[in-house]
Amino acid sequence: MFKLLRRLMLGIVVLAVFCIGCASTPRVHSPLHILFVGNSLTYVGNLPAVLDALASANGRRVQSDMIVEGGATLAQRVADGSVARALRGKHYDTVVLQERGGDAICSSSKPDYCPAAEAALASLTQLAREHGATPILLGTYQTAPPISKVLVETEAAAARRLSIAYVSLSERARFATEFAPSANWFYTDGGHPGHDLILLESVLLYRQIFGQLPEATAFSVDAPMFTPHSKFSAPLPTSLVIFSKDTEQAYAYSADRVAKALAIAERASR
C-alpha cells in the first residue's frame, strides 16, 4: 500500500512538472495581416515590405499586401471595388490608407479632389470595419512649411471625424530633413519618399500598431525596392510585381539609421 501511494505521488509530481513546462512553452502566433491602399508614395521604396522586415527584426510576424497604382486616389479604389474584393477574399487585421499628396487640402488643380478624398476615406474606413479590420490613415507630406501644417491639420480633422487612427508625416518629414540633412529622405526626383523616409513611416506605423517603438536594430528587406515607374496590378502581394531589371531586389538598414528614425519619431511634433 505504501509503495502504491509513493508511486501515485511521484506520478502527480511528474505530471505537475510536465504541465508547468507546457504552460511555459511559447505559443506560435499567427502573423498580423495588413493591407496597404495607396499610390507611388506607398510603393516607392516598398513601405509594406520594410514594415514587415522591421517587425520581423523585433520578433513580430507581419505579412503585408498592397493595392497600389502610380498617381491613384482612394476614390479610384472605391470605384473599381478592388479593396472590397481583397477584404472579401482574405482577412486583414489592419488597413492602411494613404491618399495622394496634397489632395486632402485641394492642392491639385482639380478642386473636386478634396470632397472626393474625404468621401473615399469614409467609404474605405467603413468597408475595413465591416470586415473586422482596423483602419489607419497614413498622412502624406508637403515641403512648404505653411502648406505642411495645413495638411497635417486637415488630415487629422478627417481622421477625428471618422474616429480612426492617424499617423502624421508631413511635419515629421520636415523635422527629419533638419535633424539629419544628409539622410536619404527623398527619391532622386525630390518628390517621392527616399529609403530613410520609408523607414520613418515604418517606425511610426509600428508604434501605432503595436503600441511601442521598435528596437534600434539593423535589418534587411528581401523585396524589390520599387521606383516611381514600377507597374502594378491590384490587389497585389508585395512580392509580385512587374518591374525593370535594374530595380534593387533587397535593401539593408543599419542600426544607426534605425536609431535616427526612432529619435525623430520621439522628438518630432505631431
Protein backbone atom coordinates (compact mmCIF):
# COMPACT_ATOMS: atom_id res chain seq x y z
CA MET A 1 0.00 0.00 0.00
CA PHE A 2 2.84 2.39 0.93
CA LYS A 3 4.66 1.61 -2.33
CA LEU A 4 1.46 2.24 -4.33
CA LEU A 5 0.93 5.57 -2.58
CA ARG A 6 4.53 6.57 -3.31
CA ARG A 7 4.09 5.75 -7.00
CA LEU A 8 0.90 7.80 -7.19
CA MET A 9 2.55 10.80 -5.55
CA LEU A 10 5.55 10.55 -7.87
CA GLY A 11 3.21 10.42 -10.85
CA ILE A 12 1.41 13.56 -9.69
CA VAL A 13 4.72 15.44 -9.28
CA VAL A 14 5.91 14.40 -12.75
CA LEU A 15 2.57 15.40 -14.25
CA ALA A 16 2.71 18.78 -12.50
CA VAL A 17 6.24 19.44 -13.77
CA PHE A 18 5.19 18.38 -17.25
CA CYS A 19 2.18 20.74 -17.17
CA ILE A 20 4.33 23.64 -15.96
CA GLY A 21 6.62 23.01 -18.89
CA CYS A 22 3.63 23.03 -21.22
CA ALA A 23 2.36 26.33 -19.84
CA SER A 24 5.74 27.98 -20.31
CA THR A 25 6.16 26.86 -23.91
CA PRO A 26 5.79 29.91 -26.21
CA ARG A 27 2.78 29.76 -28.49
CA VAL A 28 3.22 30.24 -32.21
CA HIS A 29 1.24 33.36 -33.02
CA SER A 30 -0.42 33.88 -36.37
CA PRO A 31 1.00 36.76 -38.41
CA LEU A 32 -0.70 40.12 -38.43
CA HIS A 33 -2.10 40.75 -41.91
CA ILE A 34 -2.02 44.31 -43.21
CA LEU A 35 -3.45 45.73 -46.42
CA PHE A 36 -1.94 48.96 -47.76
CA VAL A 37 -4.05 51.03 -50.15
CA GLY A 38 -2.29 53.89 -51.87
CA ASN A 39 -0.12 55.09 -54.73
CA SER A 40 3.53 55.77 -55.52
CA LEU A 41 4.01 57.36 -52.08
CA THR A 42 3.26 53.89 -50.73
CA TYR A 43 5.18 51.67 -53.11
CA VAL A 44 8.37 53.64 -53.89
CA GLY A 45 10.90 52.03 -51.57
CA ASN A 46 8.32 49.32 -50.75
CA LEU A 47 6.84 50.56 -47.48
CA PRO A 48 4.86 47.34 -46.83
CA ALA A 49 7.94 45.14 -47.16
CA VAL A 50 10.03 47.47 -44.97
CA LEU A 51 7.38 47.36 -42.23
CA ASP A 52 7.28 43.55 -42.45
CA ALA A 53 11.08 43.33 -42.15
CA LEU A 54 11.22 45.84 -39.28
CA ALA A 55 8.58 43.84 -37.42
CA SER A 56 10.47 40.58 -38.02
CA ALA A 57 13.66 42.13 -36.62
CA ASN A 58 11.65 42.86 -33.47
CA GLY A 59 10.25 39.36 -33.08
CA ARG A 60 6.84 40.06 -34.62
CA ARG A 61 5.20 38.42 -37.62
CA VAL A 62 3.61 40.78 -40.11
CA GLN A 63 2.53 39.98 -43.67
CA SER A 64 1.51 42.95 -45.79
CA ASP A 65 -0.19 43.20 -49.17
CA MET A 66 -0.81 46.36 -51.12
CA ILE A 67 -3.24 47.73 -53.67
CA VAL A 68 -1.31 50.49 -55.39
CA GLU A 69 -1.03 52.36 -58.65
CA GLY A 70 1.01 55.39 -59.65
CA GLY A 71 -1.00 58.59 -59.15
CA ALA A 72 -4.01 56.70 -57.81
CA THR A 73 -6.57 58.21 -55.46
CA LEU A 74 -8.56 56.43 -52.78
CA ALA A 75 -11.70 57.35 -54.75
CA GLN A 76 -10.44 55.19 -57.62
CA ARG A 77 -10.09 52.23 -55.27
CA VAL A 78 -13.66 52.71 -54.11
CA ALA A 79 -14.91 52.94 -57.68
CA ASP A 80 -13.11 49.84 -59.00
CA GLY A 81 -14.06 47.70 -55.99
CA SER A 82 -10.53 46.31 -55.62
CA VAL A 83 -10.37 46.92 -51.86
CA ALA A 84 -13.78 45.35 -51.33
CA ARG A 85 -12.71 42.26 -53.27
CA ALA A 86 -9.46 41.99 -51.32
CA LEU A 87 -11.27 42.23 -47.98
CA ARG A 88 -13.79 39.58 -49.05
CA GLY A 89 -11.03 37.24 -50.19
CA LYS A 90 -8.73 37.44 -47.18
CA HIS A 91 -8.89 38.54 -43.56
CA TYR A 92 -6.82 41.62 -42.80
CA ASP A 93 -6.24 42.88 -39.28
CA THR A 94 -5.30 46.38 -40.38
CA VAL A 95 -5.93 48.51 -43.46
CA VAL A 96 -3.51 51.40 -44.03
CA LEU A 97 -4.96 54.13 -46.27
CA GLN A 98 -2.75 56.73 -47.95
CA GLU A 99 -4.10 59.41 -50.28
CA ARG A 100 -2.18 61.27 -52.96
CA GLY A 101 -0.01 64.03 -51.54
CA GLY A 102 -1.99 67.23 -51.09
CA ASP A 103 -5.40 66.00 -52.22
CA ALA A 104 -6.79 66.50 -48.71
CA ILE A 105 -6.18 70.26 -48.97
CA CYS A 106 -7.10 70.82 -52.63
CA SER A 107 -3.51 71.44 -53.71
CA SER A 108 -4.38 69.79 -57.02
CA SER A 109 -5.62 71.78 -59.99
CA LYS A 110 -8.94 69.95 -59.65
CA PRO A 111 -10.85 71.33 -56.62
CA ASP A 112 -13.29 68.41 -56.56
CA TYR A 113 -10.48 66.16 -55.29
CA CYS A 114 -10.98 67.45 -51.71
CA PRO A 115 -14.54 66.20 -51.10
CA ALA A 116 -13.82 63.09 -53.16
CA ALA A 117 -10.79 62.28 -51.00
CA GLU A 118 -12.72 62.56 -47.74
CA ALA A 119 -15.71 60.63 -49.09
CA ALA A 120 -13.41 57.83 -50.25
CA LEU A 121 -11.65 57.75 -46.89
CA ALA A 122 -15.01 57.41 -45.15
CA SER A 123 -16.13 54.66 -47.54
CA LEU A 124 -12.93 52.61 -47.15
CA THR A 125 -12.95 53.11 -43.39
CA GLN A 126 -16.46 51.67 -43.17
CA LEU A 127 -15.51 48.83 -45.51
CA ALA A 128 -12.49 47.91 -43.39
CA ARG A 129 -14.55 47.90 -40.20
CA GLU A 130 -17.26 45.76 -41.79
CA HIS A 131 -14.59 43.12 -42.43
CA GLY A 132 -13.12 43.26 -38.93
CA ALA A 133 -10.05 45.32 -39.83
CA THR A 134 -8.70 48.40 -38.07
CA PRO A 135 -8.31 51.37 -40.46
CA ILE A 136 -5.31 53.71 -40.19
CA LEU A 137 -4.87 56.94 -42.13
CA LEU A 138 -1.23 57.36 -43.12
CA GLY A 139 -0.52 61.00 -43.87
CA THR A 140 1.19 62.48 -46.90
CA TYR A 141 3.62 65.39 -46.99
CA GLN A 142 4.31 68.83 -48.43
CA THR A 143 7.67 70.57 -48.19
CA ALA A 144 6.46 74.19 -47.86
CA PRO A 145 6.04 74.91 -44.10
CA PRO A 146 2.64 76.68 -44.19
CA ILE A 147 1.14 74.07 -46.52
CA SER A 148 2.62 71.24 -44.46
CA LYS A 149 0.94 72.46 -41.29
CA VAL A 150 -2.42 72.87 -43.01
CA LEU A 151 -2.09 69.38 -44.50
CA VAL A 152 -1.48 67.79 -41.09
CA GLU A 153 -4.38 69.72 -39.53
CA THR A 154 -6.73 68.73 -42.36
CA GLU A 155 -5.75 65.06 -42.31
CA ALA A 156 -6.04 64.95 -38.51
CA ALA A 157 -9.51 66.53 -38.63
CA ALA A 158 -10.69 63.97 -41.20
CA ALA A 159 -9.38 61.13 -39.01
CA ARG A 160 -11.13 62.55 -35.95
CA ARG A 161 -14.44 62.78 -37.77
CA LEU A 162 -14.16 59.10 -38.65
CA SER A 163 -12.69 58.07 -35.28
CA ILE A 164 -9.71 56.37 -36.89
CA ALA A 165 -6.01 56.37 -36.04
CA TYR A 166 -3.90 58.91 -37.88
CA VAL A 167 -0.14 58.70 -38.48
CA SER A 168 1.01 62.19 -39.46
CA LEU A 169 4.04 62.52 -41.69
CA SER A 170 4.45 65.98 -43.22
CA GLU A 171 5.79 67.92 -40.21
CA ARG A 172 7.89 64.94 -39.15
CA ALA A 173 9.40 64.79 -42.64
CA ARG A 174 10.30 68.48 -42.44
CA PHE A 175 11.84 67.96 -39.00
CA ALA A 176 13.75 64.94 -40.30
CA THR A 177 15.47 66.93 -43.05
CA GLU A 178 16.75 69.37 -40.42
CA PHE A 179 17.66 66.70 -37.87
CA ALA A 180 19.67 64.57 -40.34
CA PRO A 181 20.10 66.56 -43.57
CA SER A 182 22.43 64.01 -45.17
CA ALA A 183 19.98 61.10 -44.87
CA ASN A 184 18.09 59.68 -47.84
CA TRP A 185 14.74 61.36 -47.17
CA PHE A 186 13.63 61.74 -50.78
CA TYR A 187 13.95 59.80 -54.01
CA THR A 188 16.13 61.22 -56.76
CA ASP A 189 13.15 63.11 -58.23
CA GLY A 190 12.86 65.12 -55.00
CA GLY A 191 9.18 64.27 -54.55
CA HIS A 192 8.80 60.58 -53.77
CA PRO A 193 9.99 59.12 -50.45
CA GLY A 194 13.58 58.00 -50.07
CA HIS A 195 14.70 54.96 -48.09
CA ASP A 196 15.01 56.83 -44.80
CA LEU A 197 11.57 58.41 -45.07
CA ILE A 198 10.12 54.95 -45.74
CA LEU A 199 11.97 53.74 -42.64
CA LEU A 200 10.49 56.59 -40.58
CA GLU A 201 6.99 55.73 -41.82
CA SER A 202 7.55 52.10 -40.88
CA VAL A 203 8.68 53.09 -37.38
CA LEU A 204 5.60 55.30 -36.93
CA LEU A 205 3.25 52.59 -38.19
CA TYR A 206 4.95 50.01 -35.97
CA ARG A 207 4.31 52.22 -32.94
CA GLN A 208 0.70 52.79 -33.95
CA ILE A 209 0.04 49.09 -34.46
CA PHE A 210 2.00 47.61 -31.53
CA GLY A 211 1.86 50.46 -29.03
CA GLN A 212 5.62 50.87 -28.72
CA LEU A 213 8.65 51.81 -30.76
CA PRO A 214 10.85 49.08 -32.26
CA GLU A 215 14.43 48.49 -31.18
CA ALA A 216 17.36 50.23 -32.89
CA THR A 217 18.37 47.02 -34.64
CA ALA A 218 19.84 46.62 -38.11
CA PHE A 219 17.69 44.68 -40.56
CA SER A 220 17.45 43.77 -44.23
CA VAL A 221 14.50 43.87 -46.60
CA ASP A 222 14.38 40.99 -49.06
CA ALA A 223 11.99 42.54 -51.57
CA PRO A 224 12.07 44.77 -54.66
CA MET A 225 12.75 48.44 -53.99
CA PHE A 226 10.12 49.84 -56.33
CA THR A 227 10.63 53.05 -58.26
CA PRO A 228 8.05 55.61 -59.46
CA HIS A 229 7.98 53.74 -62.79
CA SER A 230 7.05 50.32 -61.37
CA LYS A 231 3.79 48.87 -62.70
CA PHE A 232 1.22 47.03 -60.60
CA SER A 233 -1.98 45.03 -60.79
CA ALA A 234 -4.44 45.41 -57.93
CA PRO A 235 -4.75 43.79 -55.50
CA LEU A 236 -1.19 42.50 -55.36
CA PRO A 237 1.04 40.94 -52.70
CA THR A 238 4.23 42.90 -52.21
CA SER A 239 6.37 40.14 -53.68
CA LEU A 240 4.63 40.06 -57.06
CA VAL A 241 5.18 42.94 -59.46
CA ILE A 242 6.26 43.82 -62.97
CA PHE A 243 9.48 45.77 -62.56
CA SER A 244 12.54 46.67 -64.60
CA LYS A 245 15.69 44.59 -64.30
CA ASP A 246 17.60 47.47 -62.73
CA THR A 247 15.30 47.56 -59.70
CA GLU A 248 17.10 46.73 -56.46
CA GLN A 249 15.96 43.37 -55.11
CA ALA A 250 16.90 43.97 -51.47
CA TYR A 251 17.88 46.75 -49.11
CA ALA A 252 19.66 46.94 -45.74
CA TYR A 253 19.16 49.41 -42.90
CA SER A 254 21.91 49.90 -40.33
CA ALA A 255 21.25 50.18 -36.61
CA ASP A 256 22.39 53.81 -36.76
CA ARG A 257 19.76 54.69 -39.38
CA VAL A 258 17.06 52.97 -37.36
CA ALA A 259 18.20 54.89 -34.27
CA LYS A 260 17.87 58.19 -36.16
CA ALA A 261 14.35 57.30 -37.26
CA LEU A 262 13.46 56.43 -33.67
CA ALA A 263 14.84 59.75 -32.42
CA ILE A 264 12.75 61.63 -34.97
CA ALA A 265 9.64 59.63 -34.09
CA GLU A 266 10.12 60.58 -30.44
CA ARG A 267 11.07 64.24 -30.90
CA ALA A 268 9.18 65.48 -33.95
CA SER A 269 5.96 67.39 -33.37
CA ARG A 270 2.65 65.86 -34.38
